[in-house]
Amino acid sequence: MTDNDPSINQTKTNRIFFQTPPEASAKRLSKSVNRSVELLDDCLGVLDKDGDCSTAVFGAIEGGRSAEWRRRSCELVSSRRRAAGFLLDGFFLAPEEEDPSGEDLGEVARLVREEVSPRLPEDKPRAFLGPLGPRAVVELAAAGVDVFDSTYATDCAEKGWALTFPFPRREGEERYDSHFPIFYKQIETFSHK
């Protein structure tokens, strides 16, 4: 980390591969949270030894479906003053419940809004990584997430697709109707190469 001096480093996490199953035991969740905090401490220790490194380190928030372990993870990670931000990780839906488009994240957004965000310092960013569609990004941003990766948008752009939202027209805005056909024609022309 100190040789390359990256701007941001996400610490490694110890979570159950891919997703946390609903039946994860307290022992497994404890191991996941505690080991992830140890990995954060190791990373911050490297920064302490190399005073010239300006890398911002994001610590991982874990906990599976357990409110107790998510709370504990928030407490442990946020107590590390050198952590520049937080990676919200390891409390997703189980694979059989997950929408592959990343759009069905209502429960995760609720957890972030009600259980995670209130326990983290407001002055430090929260990151959520993964291929998220536009609705999921909006839901999570409203729940307090600040940083997203661009996997989904990049993949769509490489396929020549444009991401759009339906914009409901409010009463009295009829004067703009003539503008939209031109706009949509430009998007269609651009997005289909």
C-alpha atoms as a PDB file:
ATOM      1  CA  MET A   1       0.000   0.000   0.000  1.00  0.00           C
ATOM      2  CA  THR A   2       2.726   2.485   0.868  1.00  0.00           C
ATOM      3  CA  ASP A   3       4.757   1.750  -2.296  1.00  0.00           C
ATOM      4  CA  ASN A   4       1.922   2.729  -4.624  1.00  0.00           C
ATOM      5  CA  ASP A   5       0.401   5.409  -2.349  1.00  0.00           C
ATOM      6  CA  PRO A   6      -3.187   4.979  -3.607  1.00  0.00           C
ATOM      7  CA  SER A   7      -5.746   7.685  -2.815  1.00  0.00           C
ATOM      8  CA  ILE A   8      -8.145   5.224  -1.144  1.00  0.00           C
ATOM      9  CA  ASN A   9      -7.717   1.706   0.185  1.00  0.00           C
ATOM     10  CA  GLN A  10     -10.551  -0.604   1.153  1.00  0.00           C
ATOM     11  CA  THR A  11      -9.421  -3.037   3.806  1.00  0.00           C
ATOM     12  CA  LYS A  12      -9.932  -6.721   3.264  1.00  0.00           C
ATOM     13  CA  THR A  13     -12.874  -8.274   5.005  1.00  0.00           C
ATOM     14  CA  ASN A  14     -13.557 -11.639   6.530  1.00  0.00           C
ATOM     15  CA  ARG A  15     -17.038 -12.477   5.468  1.00  0.00           C
ATOM     16  CA  ILE A  16     -18.728 -15.584   4.295  1.00  0.00           C
ATOM     17  CA  PHE A  17     -17.998 -15.956   0.587  1.00  0.00           C
ATOM     18  CA  PHE A  18     -20.325 -14.023  -1.712  1.00  0.00           C
ATOM     19  CA  GLN A  19     -23.265 -13.496   0.648  1.00  0.00           C
ATOM     20  CA  THR A  20     -24.082 -13.971   4.302  1.00  0.00           C
ATOM     21  CA  PRO A  21     -26.663 -16.749   4.620  1.00  0.00           C
ATOM     22  CA  PRO A  22     -29.617 -16.167   6.925  1.00  0.00           C
ATOM     23  CA  GLU A  23     -28.567 -19.075   9.141  1.00  0.00           C
ATOM     24  CA  ALA A  24     -25.062 -17.721   9.884  1.00  0.00           C
ATOM     25  CA  SER A  25     -24.254 -18.471  13.520  1.00  0.00           C
ATOM     26  CA  ALA A  26     -23.313 -15.872  16.113  1.00  0.00           C
ATOM     27  CA  LYS A  27     -19.882 -17.492  16.246  1.00  0.00           C
ATOM     28  CA  ARG A  28     -19.404 -17.028  12.481  1.00  0.00           C
ATOM     29  CA  LEU A  29     -20.655 -13.436  12.593  1.00  0.00           C
ATOM     30  CA  SER A  30     -18.369 -12.704  15.549  1.00  0.00           C
ATOM     31  CA  LYS A  31     -15.410 -14.089  13.618  1.00  0.00           C
ATOM     32  CA  SER A  32     -16.331 -12.060  10.545  1.00  0.00           C
ATOM     33  CA  VAL A  33     -16.651  -8.761  12.443  1.00  0.00           C
ATOM     34  CA  ASN A  34     -13.601  -9.256  14.657  1.00  0.00           C
ATOM     35  CA  ARG A  35     -11.318 -10.444  11.860  1.00  0.00           C
ATOM     36  CA  SER A  36     -12.394  -7.554   9.619  1.00  0.00           C
ATOM     37  CA  VAL A  37     -11.504  -5.121  12.420  1.00  0.00           C
ATOM     38  CA  GLU A  38      -8.105  -6.834  12.850  1.00  0.00           C
ATOM     39  CA  LEU A  39      -7.460  -6.414   9.124  1.00  0.00           C
ATOM     40  CA  LEU A  40      -8.363  -2.721   9.422  1.00  0.00           C
ATOM     41  CA  ASP A  41      -5.996  -2.348  12.381  1.00  0.00           C
ATOM     42  CA  ASP A  42      -3.202  -4.026  10.385  1.00  0.00           C
ATOM     43  CA  CYS A  43      -3.763  -1.643   7.491  1.00  0.00           C
ATOM     44  CA  LEU A  44      -3.835   1.419   9.749  1.00  0.00           C
ATOM     45  CA  GLY A  45      -0.667   0.148  11.442  1.00  0.00           C
ATOM     46  CA  VAL A  46       1.135   0.144   8.097  1.00  0.00           C
ATOM     47  CA  LEU A  47       0.086   3.763   7.594  1.00  0.00           C
ATOM     48  CA  ASP A  48       1.299   4.686  11.075  1.00  0.00           C
ATOM     49  CA  LYS A  49       4.748   3.226  10.312  1.00  0.00           C
ATOM     50  CA  ASP A  50       5.012   5.157   7.051  1.00  0.00           C
ATOM     51  CA  GLY A  51       4.252   8.746   7.968  1.00  0.00           C
ATOM     52  CA  ASP A  52       4.507   9.891   4.341  1.00  0.00           C
ATOM     53  CA  CYS A  53       1.622   7.755   3.077  1.00  0.00           C
ATOM     54  CA  SER A  54      -1.537   9.800   2.504  1.00  0.00           C
ATOM     55  CA  THR A  55      -3.862   6.895   1.676  1.00  0.00           C
ATOM     56  CA  ALA A  56      -7.415   7.148   3.005  1.00  0.00           C
ATOM     57  CA  VAL A  57      -8.423   3.785   4.503  1.00  0.00           C
ATOM     58  CA  PHE A  58     -12.051   2.619   4.525  1.00  0.00           C
ATOM     59  CA  GLY A  59     -13.010   0.079   7.189  1.00  0.00           C
ATOM     60  CA  ALA A  60     -15.644  -2.589   6.475  1.00  0.00           C
ATOM     61  CA  ILE A  61     -18.977  -2.737   8.285  1.00  0.00           C
ATOM     62  CA  GLU A  62     -20.069  -6.376   8.619  1.00  0.00           C
ATOM     63  CA  GLY A  63     -22.684  -8.271  10.600  1.00  0.00           C
ATOM     64  CA  GLY A  64     -24.831 -10.368   8.301  1.00  0.00           C
ATOM     65  CA  ARG A  65     -28.518 -10.258   9.194  1.00  0.00           C
ATOM     66  CA  SER A  66     -27.784  -9.735  12.861  1.00  0.00           C
ATOM     67  CA  ALA A  67     -28.640  -6.249  14.159  1.00  0.00           C
ATOM     68  CA  GLU A  68     -26.421  -6.949  17.176  1.00  0.00           C
ATOM     69  CA  TRP A  69     -23.357  -7.738  15.059  1.00  0.00           C
ATOM     70  CA  ARG A  70     -23.960  -4.847  12.642  1.00  0.00           C
ATOM     71  CA  ARG A  71     -24.132  -2.541  15.665  1.00  0.00           C
ATOM     72  CA  ARG A  72     -20.954  -4.051  17.105  1.00  0.00           C
ATOM     73  CA  SER A  73     -19.177  -3.697  13.759  1.00  0.00           C
ATOM     74  CA  CYS A  74     -20.191  -0.022  13.527  1.00  0.00           C
ATOM     75  CA  GLU A  75     -18.871   0.614  17.047  1.00  0.00           C
ATOM     76  CA  LEU A  76     -15.557  -1.156  16.493  1.00  0.00           C
ATOM     77  CA  VAL A  77     -14.795   0.274  13.057  1.00  0.00           C
ATOM     78  CA  SER A  78     -15.905   3.833  13.814  1.00  0.00           C
ATOM     79  CA  SER A  79     -13.752   3.857  16.972  1.00  0.00           C
ATOM     80  CA  ARG A  80     -10.680   3.646  14.731  1.00  0.00           C
ATOM     81  CA  ARG A  81     -10.109   7.384  14.321  1.00  0.00           C
ATOM     82  CA  ARG A  82      -7.749   6.933  11.380  1.00  0.00           C
ATOM     83  CA  ALA A  83     -10.413   5.200   9.299  1.00  0.00           C
ATOM     84  CA  ALA A  84     -11.289   7.762   6.626  1.00  0.00           C
ATOM     85  CA  GLY A  85     -14.615   6.159   5.720  1.00  0.00           C
ATOM     86  CA  PHE A  86     -16.686   3.010   5.758  1.00  0.00           C
ATOM     87  CA  LEU A  87     -17.383   0.202   3.323  1.00  0.00           C
ATOM     88  CA  LEU A  88     -20.901  -1.137   3.904  1.00  0.00           C
ATOM     89  CA  ASP A  89     -20.431  -4.825   3.281  1.00  0.00           C
ATOM     90  CA  GLY A  90     -21.536  -8.240   4.453  1.00  0.00           C
ATOM     91  CA  PHE A  91     -25.222  -7.775   5.255  1.00  0.00           C
ATOM     92  CA  PHE A  92     -26.792  -8.439   1.888  1.00  0.00           C
ATOM     93  CA  LEU A  93     -29.642 -10.667   0.879  1.00  0.00           C
ATOM     94  CA  ALA A  94     -28.977 -14.352   0.467  1.00  0.00           C
ATOM     95  CA  PRO A  95     -28.281 -15.351  -3.183  1.00  0.00           C
ATOM     96  CA  GLU A  96     -31.672 -16.985  -3.677  1.00  0.00           C
ATOM     97  CA  GLU A  97     -33.383 -13.719  -2.642  1.00  0.00           C
ATOM     98  CA  GLU A  98     -31.190 -11.328  -4.583  1.00  0.00           C
ATOM     99  CA  ASP A  99     -32.323  -9.563  -7.720  1.00  0.00           C
ATOM    100  CA  PRO A 100     -29.390  -9.861 -10.156  1.00  0.00           C
ATOM    101  CA  SER A 101     -30.048  -6.361 -11.507  1.00  0.00           C
ATOM    102  CA  GLY A 102     -29.243  -4.935  -8.088  1.00  0.00           C
ATOM    103  CA  GLU A 103     -32.594  -3.149  -8.041  1.00  0.00           C
ATOM    104  CA  ASP A 104     -34.250  -5.023  -5.173  1.00  0.00           C
ATOM    105  CA  LEU A 105     -32.246  -3.545  -2.321  1.00  0.00           C
ATOM    106  CA  GLY A 106     -35.130  -2.112  -0.310  1.00  0.00           C
ATOM    107  CA  GLU A 107     -34.272  -4.197   2.763  1.00  0.00           C
ATOM    108  CA  VAL A 108     -30.574  -3.322   2.549  1.00  0.00           C
ATOM    109  CA  ALA A 109     -31.444   0.380   2.149  1.00  0.00           C
ATOM    110  CA  ARG A 110     -33.677   0.111   5.227  1.00  0.00           C
ATOM    111  CA  LEU A 111     -30.855  -1.503   7.236  1.00  0.00           C
ATOM    112  CA  VAL A 112     -28.416   1.179   6.134  1.00  0.00           C
ATOM    113  CA  ARG A 113     -30.879   3.994   6.938  1.00  0.00           C
ATOM    114  CA  GLU A 114     -32.161   2.669  10.281  1.00  0.00           C
ATOM    115  CA  GLU A 115     -29.332   0.609  11.762  1.00  0.00           C
ATOM    116  CA  VAL A 116     -26.017   1.551  10.180  1.00  0.00           C
ATOM    117  CA  SER A 117     -25.949   5.245   9.206  1.00  0.00           C
ATOM    118  CA  PRO A 118     -27.065   6.524  12.640  1.00  0.00           C
ATOM    119  CA  ARG A 119     -24.132   4.666  14.245  1.00  0.00           C
ATOM    120  CA  LEU A 120     -21.422   6.074  11.986  1.00  0.00           C
ATOM    121  CA  PRO A 121     -19.848   9.541  12.125  1.00  0.00           C
ATOM    122  CA  GLU A 122     -21.607  11.912   9.726  1.00  0.00           C
ATOM    123  CA  ASP A 123     -18.362  13.527   8.587  1.00  0.00           C
ATOM    124  CA  LYS A 124     -16.938  10.348   7.042  1.00  0.00           C
ATOM    125  CA  PRO A 125     -18.095   8.856   3.720  1.00  0.00           C
ATOM    126  CA  ARG A 126     -19.895   5.549   3.355  1.00  0.00           C
ATOM    127  CA  ALA A 127     -19.221   3.379   0.313  1.00  0.00           C
ATOM    128  CA  PHE A 128     -21.353   0.619  -1.171  1.00  0.00           C
ATOM    129  CA  LEU A 129     -19.731  -1.381  -3.939  1.00  0.00           C
ATOM    130  CA  GLY A 130     -21.263  -3.641  -6.545  1.00  0.00           C
ATOM    131  CA  PRO A 131     -23.250  -3.554  -9.781  1.00  0.00           C
ATOM    132  CA  LEU A 132     -26.167  -1.357  -8.748  1.00  0.00           C
ATOM    133  CA  GLY A 133     -28.892  -0.125 -11.039  1.00  0.00           C
ATOM    134  CA  PRO A 134     -30.114   3.480 -10.927  1.00  0.00           C
ATOM    135  CA  ARG A 135     -33.015   2.836  -8.519  1.00  0.00           C
ATOM    136  CA  ALA A 136     -30.757   1.029  -6.056  1.00  0.00           C
ATOM    137  CA  VAL A 137     -28.241   3.900  -6.151  1.00  0.00           C
ATOM    138  CA  VAL A 138     -31.002   6.422  -5.457  1.00  0.00           C
ATOM    139  CA  GLU A 139     -32.422   4.309  -2.586  1.00  0.00           C
ATOM    140  CA  LEU A 140     -29.016   3.816  -0.985  1.00  0.00           C
ATOM    141  CA  ALA A 141     -28.035   7.467  -1.441  1.00  0.00           C
ATOM    142  CA  ALA A 142     -31.249   8.447   0.346  1.00  0.00           C
ATOM    143  CA  ALA A 143     -30.281   6.001   3.124  1.00  0.00           C
ATOM    144  CA  GLY A 144     -26.929   7.730   3.660  1.00  0.00           C
ATOM    145  CA  VAL A 145     -24.462   6.115   1.225  1.00  0.00           C
ATOM    146  CA  ASP A 146     -22.034   8.580  -0.379  1.00  0.00           C
ATOM    147  CA  VAL A 147     -19.770   6.536  -2.676  1.00  0.00           C
ATOM    148  CA  PHE A 148     -20.685   3.957  -5.329  1.00  0.00           C
ATOM    149  CA  ASP A 149     -18.617   2.124  -7.892  1.00  0.00           C
ATOM    150  CA  SER A 150     -19.435   2.471 -11.561  1.00  0.00           C
ATOM    151  CA  THR A 151     -19.645  -1.212 -12.517  1.00  0.00           C
ATOM    152  CA  TYR A 152     -23.263  -1.129 -13.666  1.00  0.00           C
ATOM    153  CA  ALA A 153     -23.030   2.187 -15.524  1.00  0.00           C
ATOM    154  CA  THR A 154     -19.772   1.169 -17.216  1.00  0.00           C
ATOM    155  CA  ASP A 155     -21.222  -2.183 -18.279  1.00  0.00           C
ATOM    156  CA  CYS A 156     -24.300  -0.455 -19.733  1.00  0.00           C
ATOM    157  CA  ALA A 157     -22.167   2.113 -21.565  1.00  0.00           C
ATOM    158  CA  GLU A 158     -19.999  -0.631 -23.062  1.00  0.00           C
ATOM    159  CA  LYS A 159     -23.185  -2.247 -24.396  1.00  0.00           C
ATOM    160  CA  GLY A 160     -24.281   1.092 -25.853  1.00  0.00           C
ATOM    161  CA  TRP A 161     -27.182   1.630 -23.465  1.00  0.00           C
ATOM    162  CA  ALA A 162     -28.258   4.912 -21.874  1.00  0.00           C
ATOM    163  CA  LEU A 163     -29.646   4.962 -18.340  1.00  0.00           C
ATOM    164  CA  THR A 164     -32.850   6.957 -18.055  1.00  0.00           C
ATOM    165  CA  PHE A 165     -35.568   7.574 -15.511  1.00  0.00           C
ATOM    166  CA  PRO A 166     -39.195   8.324 -16.327  1.00  0.00           C
ATOM    167  CA  PHE A 167     -39.851  11.941 -15.381  1.00  0.00           C
ATOM    168  CA  PRO A 168     -43.474  12.554 -14.453  1.00  0.00           C
ATOM    169  CA  ARG A 169     -44.741  15.819 -15.826  1.00  0.00           C
ATOM    170  CA  ARG A 170     -46.241  18.237 -13.342  1.00  0.00           C
ATOM    171  CA  GLU A 171     -49.278  20.300 -14.144  1.00  0.00           C
ATOM    172  CA  GLY A 172     -48.329  23.526 -15.852  1.00  0.00           C
ATOM    173  CA  GLU A 173     -45.191  22.118 -17.504  1.00  0.00           C
ATOM    174  CA  GLU A 174     -46.823  21.397 -20.858  1.00  0.00           C
ATOM    175  CA  ARG A 175     -44.685  24.123 -22.415  1.00  0.00           C
ATOM    176  CA  TYR A 176     -41.704  21.748 -22.239  1.00  0.00           C
ATOM    177  CA  ASP A 177     -43.403  18.898 -24.125  1.00  0.00           C
ATOM    178  CA  SER A 178     -41.883  19.927 -27.439  1.00  0.00           C
ATOM    179  CA  HIS A 179     -38.350  19.647 -25.983  1.00  0.00           C
ATOM    180  CA  PHE A 180     -38.507  15.983 -25.004  1.00  0.00           C
ATOM    181  CA  PRO A 181     -38.917  14.286 -28.406  1.00  0.00           C
ATOM    182  CA  ILE A 182     -35.666  15.951 -29.521  1.00  0.00           C
ATOM    183  CA  PHE A 183     -33.940  14.882 -26.306  1.00  0.00           C
ATOM    184  CA  TYR A 184     -35.114  11.270 -26.565  1.00  0.00           C
ATOM    185  CA  LYS A 185     -34.189  11.096 -30.259  1.00  0.00           C
ATOM    186  CA  GLN A 186     -30.650  12.239 -29.372  1.00  0.00           C
ATOM    187  CA  ILE A 187     -30.394   9.596 -26.636  1.00  0.00           C
ATOM    188  CA  GLU A 188     -31.691   6.895 -28.984  1.00  0.00           C
ATOM    189  CA  THR A 189     -29.217   7.889 -31.705  1.00  0.00           C
ATOM    190  CA  PHE A 190     -26.294   8.061 -29.287  1.00  0.00           C
ATOM    191  CA  SER A 191     -27.074   4.914 -27.298  1.00  0.00           C
ATOM    192  CA  HIS A 192     -27.527   2.617 -30.303  1.00  0.00           C
ATOM    193  CA  LYS A 193     -24.221   3.548 -31.973  1.00  0.00           C
END
